[in-house]
């Protein structure tokens, strides 16, 4: 009887198995070697992806992650000014499908602040969105008697280079009720009059520089997204490299004009630098 010839053993030396026949012991050895290599490759890939993605963003004002409430947002505290009994009212409300911070001021002034340290060399970009429904009539941030604004975002700095006169002035301010008065700050605001891209000294102190990043009534009632390079803005305003950020504050005030204003603030985030990022980029939030 003719039987089919087996291929096993062909082209092999006597006593050696065919390459297609692998013993259990050989398979286990290969698996034992390959598995750690695969784990190492996966770990290296994860590290590479994190390096490419860069450091995570710092969410300073996470209003959208909280529930609507009449209380001050988590991680924030109220700033009151001297004997002013009429304070701006702040609460978390749902507006346009997200929880945001609402500010309502009527002949009053107060703010909210969160104390957090940020290294601008690593996180120079500040992003937030805001909406102003009503501007205070007669406001002028360059005049002490009319220095109101419907919406402000302050970035405060851990600055220890004040001269003697400024240190005395700061100590007096803190003693009479301005306990959160910063030693140095940038103030981004929505001004009543057109004045974008100016750097204006505060009428109260030359250690606070004002930057009107939005002005006028043209976009009232709309959500507007802002993006600032705080590192570049500080150098432009003060002519030197900045110290670490030690806080962010927001304020809507109408005490000087005895008028009223209403504004909304969305999440506030510090981000790492990006290649090709301009120092200033502004666009309506609906353009994304």
Foldseek 3Di string as FASTA:
>chain_A
DDDDDDPWPPPDDPPDTDPVDDDPVRVVVVCVVVVVVVVVVVVVVVVVVDVVVADDWFFFFAQQVDDWDQDDDPQKDKAAAFPFPFDWGWTWDQDPNGTWIKTKGFLHKMKMKGWDKDDLQFFQKKKWKKAWQDFAPPADQQDPLRNFAQKKKKWAAPDDPDDPVLVVVVVVRCVRRRVVDGSAMEIEGEEADDDAPDWHAGNVDNRYIYGDNHYHDPRHPFMKMWMARNQVVCCVSPVDGGHITGMMMMIGHGNSVSGMIMMIIGIMMTHGDDPPDDRTDIDGPVVD
